[in-house]
Amino acid sequence: KNFRSISADGLGLAFATDQNAAAIV
């Protein structure tokens, strides 16, 4: 929340617990 290009409304990312990799696209 409120970090550089991310507003005070925030950004939440959930990662799959059964996967070994994640991609940000």
mmCIF file of all heavy atoms, coordinates in Angstrom:
data_MODEL
# 
_entry.id   MODEL 
# 
loop_
_atom_site.group_PDB 
_atom_site.id 
_atom_site.type_symbol 
_atom_site.label_atom_id 
_atom_site.label_alt_id 
_atom_site.label_comp_id 
_atom_site.label_asym_id 
_atom_site.label_entity_id 
_atom_site.label_seq_id 
_atom_site.pdbx_PDB_ins_code 
_atom_site.Cartn_x 
_atom_site.Cartn_y 
_atom_site.Cartn_z 
_atom_site.occupancy 
_atom_site.B_iso_or_equiv 
_atom_site.pdbx_formal_charge 
_atom_site.auth_seq_id 
_atom_site.auth_comp_id 
_atom_site.auth_asym_id 
_atom_site.auth_atom_id 
_atom_site.pdbx_PDB_model_num 
ATOM 1   N N   . LYS A 1 1  ? 0.841  -1.197  0.000   1.00 0.00 ? 1  LYS A N   1 
ATOM 2   C CA  . LYS A 1 1  ? 0.000  0.000   0.000   1.00 0.00 ? 1  LYS A CA  1 
ATOM 3   C C   . LYS A 1 1  ? 0.876  1.247   0.000   1.00 0.00 ? 1  LYS A C   1 
ATOM 4   O O   . LYS A 1 1  ? 1.852  1.326   0.743   1.00 0.00 ? 1  LYS A O   1 
ATOM 5   C CB  . LYS A 1 1  ? -0.912 0.045   1.229   1.00 0.00 ? 1  LYS A CB  1 
ATOM 6   C CG  . LYS A 1 1  ? -1.987 -0.998  1.233   1.00 0.00 ? 1  LYS A CG  1 
ATOM 7   C CD  . LYS A 1 1  ? -2.916 -0.826  2.418   1.00 0.00 ? 1  LYS A CD  1 
ATOM 8   C CE  . LYS A 1 1  ? -4.027 -1.860  2.379   1.00 0.00 ? 1  LYS A CE  1 
ATOM 9   N NZ  . LYS A 1 1  ? -4.998 -1.643  3.440   1.00 0.00 ? 1  LYS A NZ  1 
ATOM 10  N N   . ASN A 1 2  ? 0.501  2.211   -0.848  1.00 0.00 ? 2  ASN A N   1 
ATOM 11  C CA  . ASN A 1 2  ? 1.132  3.537   -0.898  1.00 0.00 ? 2  ASN A CA  1 
ATOM 12  C C   . ASN A 1 2  ? 2.625  3.461   -1.190  1.00 0.00 ? 2  ASN A C   1 
ATOM 13  O O   . ASN A 1 2  ? 3.417  4.217   -0.645  1.00 0.00 ? 2  ASN A O   1 
ATOM 14  C CB  . ASN A 1 2  ? 0.883  4.308   0.406   1.00 0.00 ? 2  ASN A CB  1 
ATOM 15  C CG  . ASN A 1 2  ? 1.074  5.805   0.237   1.00 0.00 ? 2  ASN A CG  1 
ATOM 16  O OD1 . ASN A 1 2  ? 0.777  6.348   -0.818  1.00 0.00 ? 2  ASN A OD1 1 
ATOM 17  N ND2 . ASN A 1 2  ? 1.570  6.468   1.266   1.00 0.00 ? 2  ASN A ND2 1 
ATOM 18  N N   . PHE A 1 3  ? 3.022  2.555   -2.073  1.00 0.00 ? 3  PHE A N   1 
ATOM 19  C CA  . PHE A 1 3  ? 4.433  2.373   -2.412  1.00 0.00 ? 3  PHE A CA  1 
ATOM 20  C C   . PHE A 1 3  ? 4.650  2.631   -3.896  1.00 0.00 ? 3  PHE A C   1 
ATOM 21  O O   . PHE A 1 3  ? 4.118  1.911   -4.738  1.00 0.00 ? 3  PHE A O   1 
ATOM 22  C CB  . PHE A 1 3  ? 4.892  0.969   -2.045  1.00 0.00 ? 3  PHE A CB  1 
ATOM 23  C CG  . PHE A 1 3  ? 6.333  0.698   -2.344  1.00 0.00 ? 3  PHE A CG  1 
ATOM 24  C CD1 . PHE A 1 3  ? 7.335  1.378   -1.668  1.00 0.00 ? 3  PHE A CD1 1 
ATOM 25  C CD2 . PHE A 1 3  ? 6.690  -0.240  -3.286  1.00 0.00 ? 3  PHE A CD2 1 
ATOM 26  C CE1 . PHE A 1 3  ? 8.670  1.123   -1.938  1.00 0.00 ? 3  PHE A CE1 1 
ATOM 27  C CE2 . PHE A 1 3  ? 8.019  -0.505  -3.561  1.00 0.00 ? 3  PHE A CE2 1 
ATOM 28  C CZ  . PHE A 1 3  ? 9.012  0.180   -2.885  1.00 0.00 ? 3  PHE A CZ  1 
ATOM 29  N N   . ARG A 1 4  ? 5.367  3.681   -4.199  1.00 0.00 ? 4  ARG A N   1 
ATOM 30  C CA  . ARG A 1 4  ? 5.734  4.076   -5.556  1.00 0.00 ? 4  ARG A CA  1 
ATOM 31  C C   . ARG A 1 4  ? 4.511  4.146   -6.469  1.00 0.00 ? 4  ARG A C   1 
ATOM 32  O O   . ARG A 1 4  ? 3.699  5.033   -6.302  1.00 0.00 ? 4  ARG A O   1 
ATOM 33  C CB  . ARG A 1 4  ? 6.828  3.175   -6.098  1.00 0.00 ? 4  ARG A CB  1 
ATOM 34  C CG  . ARG A 1 4  ? 8.102  3.300   -5.261  1.00 0.00 ? 4  ARG A CG  1 
ATOM 35  C CD  . ARG A 1 4  ? 9.246  2.565   -5.829  1.00 0.00 ? 4  ARG A CD  1 
ATOM 36  N NE  . ARG A 1 4  ? 10.424 2.751   -4.971  1.00 0.00 ? 4  ARG A NE  1 
ATOM 37  C CZ  . ARG A 1 4  ? 11.537 2.100   -5.150  1.00 0.00 ? 4  ARG A CZ  1 
ATOM 38  N NH1 . ARG A 1 4  ? 11.664 1.240   -6.141  1.00 0.00 ? 4  ARG A NH1 1 
ATOM 39  N NH2 . ARG A 1 4  ? 12.554 2.319   -4.336  1.00 0.00 ? 4  ARG A NH2 1 
ATOM 40  N N   . SER A 1 5  ? 4.324  3.247   -7.411  1.00 0.00 ? 5  SER A N   1 
ATOM 41  C CA  . SER A 1 5  ? 3.184  3.340   -8.334  1.00 0.00 ? 5  SER A CA  1 
ATOM 42  C C   . SER A 1 5  ? 1.924  2.673   -7.783  1.00 0.00 ? 5  SER A C   1 
ATOM 43  O O   . SER A 1 5  ? 0.893  2.670   -8.446  1.00 0.00 ? 5  SER A O   1 
ATOM 44  C CB  . SER A 1 5  ? 3.545  2.703   -9.681  1.00 0.00 ? 5  SER A CB  1 
ATOM 45  O OG  . SER A 1 5  ? 3.786  1.319   -9.521  1.00 0.00 ? 5  SER A OG  1 
ATOM 46  N N   . ILE A 1 6  ? 1.988  2.133   -6.584  1.00 0.00 ? 6  ILE A N   1 
ATOM 47  C CA  . ILE A 1 6  ? 0.854  1.426   -5.983  1.00 0.00 ? 6  ILE A CA  1 
ATOM 48  C C   . ILE A 1 6  ? 0.170  2.364   -4.995  1.00 0.00 ? 6  ILE A C   1 
ATOM 49  O O   . ILE A 1 6  ? 0.782  2.807   -4.028  1.00 0.00 ? 6  ILE A O   1 
ATOM 50  C CB  . ILE A 1 6  ? 1.321  0.127   -5.307  1.00 0.00 ? 6  ILE A CB  1 
ATOM 51  C CG1 . ILE A 1 6  ? 2.014  -0.756  -6.355  1.00 0.00 ? 6  ILE A CG1 1 
ATOM 52  C CG2 . ILE A 1 6  ? 0.153  -0.589  -4.657  1.00 0.00 ? 6  ILE A CG2 1 
ATOM 53  C CD1 . ILE A 1 6  ? 2.856  -1.851  -5.792  1.00 0.00 ? 6  ILE A CD1 1 
ATOM 54  N N   . SER A 1 7  ? -1.100 2.650   -5.232  1.00 0.00 ? 7  SER A N   1 
ATOM 55  C CA  . SER A 1 7  ? -1.820 3.656   -4.441  1.00 0.00 ? 7  SER A CA  1 
ATOM 56  C C   . SER A 1 7  ? -2.080 3.186   -3.008  1.00 0.00 ? 7  SER A C   1 
ATOM 57  O O   . SER A 1 7  ? -1.829 2.030   -2.656  1.00 0.00 ? 7  SER A O   1 
ATOM 58  C CB  . SER A 1 7  ? -3.143 4.000   -5.122  1.00 0.00 ? 7  SER A CB  1 
ATOM 59  O OG  . SER A 1 7  ? -4.054 2.937   -4.979  1.00 0.00 ? 7  SER A OG  1 
ATOM 60  N N   . ALA A 1 8  ? -2.651 4.087   -2.221  1.00 0.00 ? 8  ALA A N   1 
ATOM 61  C CA  . ALA A 1 8  ? -2.984 3.784   -0.826  1.00 0.00 ? 8  ALA A CA  1 
ATOM 62  C C   . ALA A 1 8  ? -4.102 2.753   -0.729  1.00 0.00 ? 8  ALA A C   1 
ATOM 63  O O   . ALA A 1 8  ? -4.287 2.147   0.326   1.00 0.00 ? 8  ALA A O   1 
ATOM 64  C CB  . ALA A 1 8  ? -3.362 5.062   -0.090  1.00 0.00 ? 8  ALA A CB  1 
ATOM 65  N N   . ASP A 1 9  ? -4.865 2.556   -1.806  1.00 0.00 ? 9  ASP A N   1 
ATOM 66  C CA  . ASP A 1 9  ? -5.884 1.499   -1.819  1.00 0.00 ? 9  ASP A CA  1 
ATOM 67  C C   . ASP A 1 9  ? -5.238 0.127   -1.727  1.00 0.00 ? 9  ASP A C   1 
ATOM 68  O O   . ASP A 1 9  ? -5.828 -0.809  -1.218  1.00 0.00 ? 9  ASP A O   1 
ATOM 69  C CB  . ASP A 1 9  ? -6.735 1.581   -3.080  1.00 0.00 ? 9  ASP A CB  1 
ATOM 70  C CG  . ASP A 1 9  ? -7.578 2.837   -3.125  1.00 0.00 ? 9  ASP A CG  1 
ATOM 71  O OD1 . ASP A 1 9  ? -7.866 3.404   -2.048  1.00 0.00 ? 9  ASP A OD1 1 
ATOM 72  O OD2 . ASP A 1 9  ? -7.951 3.249   -4.235  1.00 0.00 ? 9  ASP A OD2 1 
ATOM 73  N N   . GLY A 1 10 ? -4.047 0.014   -2.244  1.00 0.00 ? 10 GLY A N   1 
ATOM 74  C CA  . GLY A 1 10 ? -3.255 -1.191  -2.086  1.00 0.00 ? 10 GLY A CA  1 
ATOM 75  C C   . GLY A 1 10 ? -3.378 -2.195  -3.204  1.00 0.00 ? 10 GLY A C   1 
ATOM 76  O O   . GLY A 1 10 ? -4.252 -2.123  -4.064  1.00 0.00 ? 10 GLY A O   1 
ATOM 77  N N   . LEU A 1 11 ? -2.468 -3.137  -3.149  1.00 0.00 ? 11 LEU A N   1 
ATOM 78  C CA  . LEU A 1 11 ? -2.403 -4.241  -4.094  1.00 0.00 ? 11 LEU A CA  1 
ATOM 79  C C   . LEU A 1 11 ? -2.149 -5.493  -3.289  1.00 0.00 ? 11 LEU A C   1 
ATOM 80  O O   . LEU A 1 11 ? -1.202 -5.555  -2.504  1.00 0.00 ? 11 LEU A O   1 
ATOM 81  C CB  . LEU A 1 11 ? -1.258 -4.019  -5.099  1.00 0.00 ? 11 LEU A CB  1 
ATOM 82  C CG  . LEU A 1 11 ? -0.900 -5.183  -6.001  1.00 0.00 ? 11 LEU A CG  1 
ATOM 83  C CD1 . LEU A 1 11 ? -2.029 -5.440  -7.000  1.00 0.00 ? 11 LEU A CD1 1 
ATOM 84  C CD2 . LEU A 1 11 ? 0.398  -4.906  -6.730  1.00 0.00 ? 11 LEU A CD2 1 
ATOM 85  N N   . GLY A 1 12 ? -2.997 -6.466  -3.453  1.00 0.00 ? 12 GLY A N   1 
ATOM 86  C CA  . GLY A 1 12 ? -2.804 -7.753  -2.795  1.00 0.00 ? 12 GLY A CA  1 
ATOM 87  C C   . GLY A 1 12 ? -2.570 -8.832  -3.828  1.00 0.00 ? 12 GLY A C   1 
ATOM 88  O O   . GLY A 1 12 ? -3.327 -8.943  -4.792  1.00 0.00 ? 12 GLY A O   1 
ATOM 89  N N   . LEU A 1 13 ? -1.516 -9.588  -3.654  1.00 0.00 ? 13 LEU A N   1 
ATOM 90  C CA  . LEU A 1 13 ? -1.211 -10.696 -4.552  1.00 0.00 ? 13 LEU A CA  1 
ATOM 91  C C   . LEU A 1 13 ? -1.287 -11.994 -3.770  1.00 0.00 ? 13 LEU A C   1 
ATOM 92  O O   . LEU A 1 13 ? -0.680 -12.113 -2.705  1.00 0.00 ? 13 LEU A O   1 
ATOM 93  C CB  . LEU A 1 13 ? 0.189  -10.552 -5.144  1.00 0.00 ? 13 LEU A CB  1 
ATOM 94  C CG  . LEU A 1 13 ? 0.465  -9.317  -5.990  1.00 0.00 ? 13 LEU A CG  1 
ATOM 95  C CD1 . LEU A 1 13 ? 1.943  -9.257  -6.367  1.00 0.00 ? 13 LEU A CD1 1 
ATOM 96  C CD2 . LEU A 1 13 ? -0.381 -9.340  -7.235  1.00 0.00 ? 13 LEU A CD2 1 
ATOM 97  N N   . ALA A 1 14 ? -2.034 -12.943 -4.283  1.00 0.00 ? 14 ALA A N   1 
ATOM 98  C CA  . ALA A 1 14 ? -2.114 -14.264 -3.665  1.00 0.00 ? 14 ALA A CA  1 
ATOM 99  C C   . ALA A 1 14 ? -1.319 -15.240 -4.529  1.00 0.00 ? 14 ALA A C   1 
ATOM 100 O O   . ALA A 1 14 ? -1.467 -15.259 -5.753  1.00 0.00 ? 14 ALA A O   1 
ATOM 101 C CB  . ALA A 1 14 ? -3.558 -14.710 -3.557  1.00 0.00 ? 14 ALA A CB  1 
ATOM 102 N N   . PHE A 1 15 ? -0.475 -16.023 -3.892  1.00 0.00 ? 15 PHE A N   1 
ATOM 103 C CA  . PHE A 1 15 ? 0.349  -16.991 -4.597  1.00 0.00 ? 15 PHE A CA  1 
ATOM 104 C C   . PHE A 1 15 ? -0.207 -18.390 -4.359  1.00 0.00 ? 15 PHE A C   1 
ATOM 105 O O   . PHE A 1 15 ? -0.598 -18.729 -3.248  1.00 0.00 ? 15 PHE A O   1 
ATOM 106 C CB  . PHE A 1 15 ? 1.797  -16.921 -4.104  1.00 0.00 ? 15 PHE A CB  1 
ATOM 107 C CG  . PHE A 1 15 ? 2.448  -15.597 -4.343  1.00 0.00 ? 15 PHE A CG  1 
ATOM 108 C CD1 . PHE A 1 15 ? 2.505  -14.642 -3.340  1.00 0.00 ? 15 PHE A CD1 1 
ATOM 109 C CD2 . PHE A 1 15 ? 3.004  -15.292 -5.572  1.00 0.00 ? 15 PHE A CD2 1 
ATOM 110 C CE1 . PHE A 1 15 ? 3.102  -13.413 -3.557  1.00 0.00 ? 15 PHE A CE1 1 
ATOM 111 C CE2 . PHE A 1 15 ? 3.604  -14.065 -5.798  1.00 0.00 ? 15 PHE A CE2 1 
ATOM 112 C CZ  . PHE A 1 15 ? 3.650  -13.125 -4.791  1.00 0.00 ? 15 PHE A CZ  1 
ATOM 113 N N   . ALA A 1 16 ? -0.223 -19.188 -5.403  1.00 0.00 ? 16 ALA A N   1 
ATOM 114 C CA  . ALA A 1 16 ? -0.688 -20.570 -5.284  1.00 0.00 ? 16 ALA A CA  1 
ATOM 115 C C   . ALA A 1 16 ? 0.285  -21.350 -4.408  1.00 0.00 ? 16 ALA A C   1 
ATOM 116 O O   . ALA A 1 16 ? 1.495  -21.308 -4.622  1.00 0.00 ? 16 ALA A O   1 
ATOM 117 C CB  . ALA A 1 16 ? -0.800 -21.210 -6.659  1.00 0.00 ? 16 ALA A CB  1 
ATOM 118 N N   . THR A 1 17 ? -0.235 -22.029 -3.417  1.00 0.00 ? 17 THR A N   1 
ATOM 119 C CA  . THR A 1 17 ? 0.638  -22.767 -2.494  1.00 0.00 ? 17 THR A CA  1 
ATOM 120 C C   . THR A 1 17 ? 1.070  -24.122 -3.051  1.00 0.00 ? 17 THR A C   1 
ATOM 121 O O   . THR A 1 17 ? 1.985  -24.730 -2.512  1.00 0.00 ? 17 THR A O   1 
ATOM 122 C CB  . THR A 1 17 ? -0.070 -22.974 -1.144  1.00 0.00 ? 17 THR A CB  1 
ATOM 123 O OG1 . THR A 1 17 ? -1.314 -23.641 -1.372  1.00 0.00 ? 17 THR A OG1 1 
ATOM 124 C CG2 . THR A 1 17 ? -0.319 -21.631 -0.465  1.00 0.00 ? 17 THR A CG2 1 
ATOM 125 N N   . ASP A 1 18 ? 0.418  -24.561 -4.113  1.00 0.00 ? 18 ASP A N   1 
ATOM 126 C CA  . ASP A 1 18 ? 0.778  -25.848 -4.695  1.00 0.00 ? 18 ASP A CA  1 
ATOM 127 C C   . ASP A 1 18 ? 1.654  -25.707 -5.939  1.00 0.00 ? 18 ASP A C   1 
ATOM 128 O O   . ASP A 1 18 ? 1.885  -26.670 -6.655  1.00 0.00 ? 18 ASP A O   1 
ATOM 129 C CB  . ASP A 1 18 ? -0.479 -26.646 -5.031  1.00 0.00 ? 18 ASP A CB  1 
ATOM 130 C CG  . ASP A 1 18 ? -1.356 -25.937 -6.047  1.00 0.00 ? 18 ASP A CG  1 
ATOM 131 O OD1 . ASP A 1 18 ? -1.216 -24.722 -6.212  1.00 0.00 ? 18 ASP A OD1 1 
ATOM 132 O OD2 . ASP A 1 18 ? -2.191 -26.612 -6.680  1.00 0.00 ? 18 ASP A OD2 1 
ATOM 133 N N   . GLN A 1 19 ? 2.173  -24.506 -6.196  1.00 0.00 ? 19 GLN A N   1 
ATOM 134 C CA  . GLN A 1 19 ? 3.019  -24.253 -7.355  1.00 0.00 ? 19 GLN A CA  1 
ATOM 135 C C   . GLN A 1 19 ? 4.414  -23.832 -6.896  1.00 0.00 ? 19 GLN A C   1 
ATOM 136 O O   . GLN A 1 19 ? 4.580  -23.262 -5.827  1.00 0.00 ? 19 GLN A O   1 
ATOM 137 C CB  . GLN A 1 19 ? 2.418  -23.137 -8.221  1.00 0.00 ? 19 GLN A CB  1 
ATOM 138 C CG  . GLN A 1 19 ? 1.032  -23.446 -8.753  1.00 0.00 ? 19 GLN A CG  1 
ATOM 139 C CD  . GLN A 1 19 ? 1.036  -24.559 -9.775  1.00 0.00 ? 19 GLN A CD  1 
ATOM 140 O OE1 . GLN A 1 19 ? 1.910  -24.637 -10.631 1.00 0.00 ? 19 GLN A OE1 1 
ATOM 141 N NE2 . GLN A 1 19 ? 0.057  -25.454 -9.678  1.00 0.00 ? 19 GLN A NE2 1 
ATOM 142 N N   . ASN A 1 20 ? 5.402  -24.104 -7.727  1.00 0.00 ? 20 ASN A N   1 
ATOM 143 C CA  . ASN A 1 20 ? 6.778  -23.755 -7.402  1.00 0.00 ? 20 ASN A CA  1 
ATOM 144 C C   . ASN A 1 20 ? 7.238  -22.461 -8.055  1.00 0.00 ? 20 ASN A C   1 
ATOM 145 O O   . ASN A 1 20 ? 8.363  -22.034 -7.843  1.00 0.00 ? 20 ASN A O   1 
ATOM 146 C CB  . ASN A 1 20 ? 7.726  -24.879 -7.822  1.00 0.00 ? 20 ASN A CB  1 
ATOM 147 C CG  . ASN A 1 20 ? 7.541  -26.101 -6.953  1.00 0.00 ? 20 ASN A CG  1 
ATOM 148 O OD1 . ASN A 1 20 ? 7.251  -25.988 -5.779  1.00 0.00 ? 20 ASN A OD1 1 
ATOM 149 N ND2 . ASN A 1 20 ? 7.687  -27.277 -7.542  1.00 0.00 ? 20 ASN A ND2 1 
ATOM 150 N N   . ALA A 1 21 ? 6.398  -21.847 -8.873  1.00 0.00 ? 21 ALA A N   1 
ATOM 151 C CA  . ALA A 1 21 ? 6.793  -20.639 -9.578  1.00 0.00 ? 21 ALA A CA  1 
ATOM 152 C C   . ALA A 1 21 ? 5.614  -19.683 -9.688  1.00 0.00 ? 21 ALA A C   1 
ATOM 153 O O   . ALA A 1 21 ? 4.454  -20.094 -9.632  1.00 0.00 ? 21 ALA A O   1 
ATOM 154 C CB  . ALA A 1 21 ? 7.305  -20.982 -10.970 1.00 0.00 ? 21 ALA A CB  1 
ATOM 155 N N   . ALA A 1 22 ? 5.941  -18.423 -9.830  1.00 0.00 ? 22 ALA A N   1 
ATOM 156 C CA  . ALA A 1 22 ? 4.929  -17.387 -10.057 1.00 0.00 ? 22 ALA A CA  1 
ATOM 157 C C   . ALA A 1 22 ? 5.481  -16.434 -11.101 1.00 0.00 ? 22 ALA A C   1 
ATOM 158 O O   . ALA A 1 22 ? 6.692  -16.236 -11.195 1.00 0.00 ? 22 ALA A O   1 
ATOM 159 C CB  . ALA A 1 22 ? 4.613  -16.642 -8.770  1.00 0.00 ? 22 ALA A CB  1 
ATOM 160 N N   . ALA A 1 23 ? 4.595  -15.858 -11.881 1.00 0.00 ? 23 ALA A N   1 
ATOM 161 C CA  . ALA A 1 23 ? 5.000  -14.904 -12.915 1.00 0.00 ? 23 ALA A CA  1 
ATOM 162 C C   . ALA A 1 23 ? 4.251  -13.598 -12.707 1.00 0.00 ? 23 ALA A C   1 
ATOM 163 O O   . ALA A 1 23 ? 3.062  -13.598 -12.392 1.00 0.00 ? 23 ALA A O   1 
ATOM 164 C CB  . ALA A 1 23 ? 4.705  -15.466 -14.295 1.00 0.00 ? 23 ALA A CB  1 
ATOM 165 N N   . ILE A 1 24 ? 4.959  -12.506 -12.872 1.00 0.00 ? 24 ILE A N   1 
ATOM 166 C CA  . ILE A 1 24 ? 4.348  -11.180 -12.829 1.00 0.00 ? 24 ILE A CA  1 
ATOM 167 C C   . ILE A 1 24 ? 4.400  -10.651 -14.254 1.00 0.00 ? 24 ILE A C   1 
ATOM 168 O O   . ILE A 1 24 ? 5.482  -10.428 -14.800 1.00 0.00 ? 24 ILE A O   1 
ATOM 169 C CB  . ILE A 1 24 ? 5.091  -10.247 -11.860 1.00 0.00 ? 24 ILE A CB  1 
ATOM 170 C CG1 . ILE A 1 24 ? 5.066  -10.835 -10.456 1.00 0.00 ? 24 ILE A CG1 1 
ATOM 171 C CG2 . ILE A 1 24 ? 4.479  -8.864  -11.881 1.00 0.00 ? 24 ILE A CG2 1 
ATOM 172 C CD1 . ILE A 1 24 ? 5.910  -10.096 -9.459  1.00 0.00 ? 24 ILE A CD1 1 
ATOM 173 N N   . VAL A 1 25 ? 3.232  -10.478 -14.845 1.00 0.00 ? 25 VAL A N   1 
ATOM 174 C CA  . VAL A 1 25 ? 3.139  -10.104 -16.245 1.00 0.00 ? 25 VAL A CA  1 
ATOM 175 C C   . VAL A 1 25 ? 2.315  -8.833  -16.372 1.00 0.00 ? 25 VAL A C   1 
ATOM 176 O O   . VAL A 1 25 ? 1.283  -8.699  -15.716 1.00 0.00 ? 25 VAL A O   1 
ATOM 177 C CB  . VAL A 1 25 ? 2.477  -11.238 -17.066 1.00 0.00 ? 25 VAL A CB  1 
ATOM 178 C CG1 . VAL A 1 25 ? 2.373  -10.861 -18.533 1.00 0.00 ? 25 VAL A CG1 1 
ATOM 179 C CG2 . VAL A 1 25 ? 3.237  -12.538 -16.890 1.00 0.00 ? 25 VAL A CG2 1 
# 
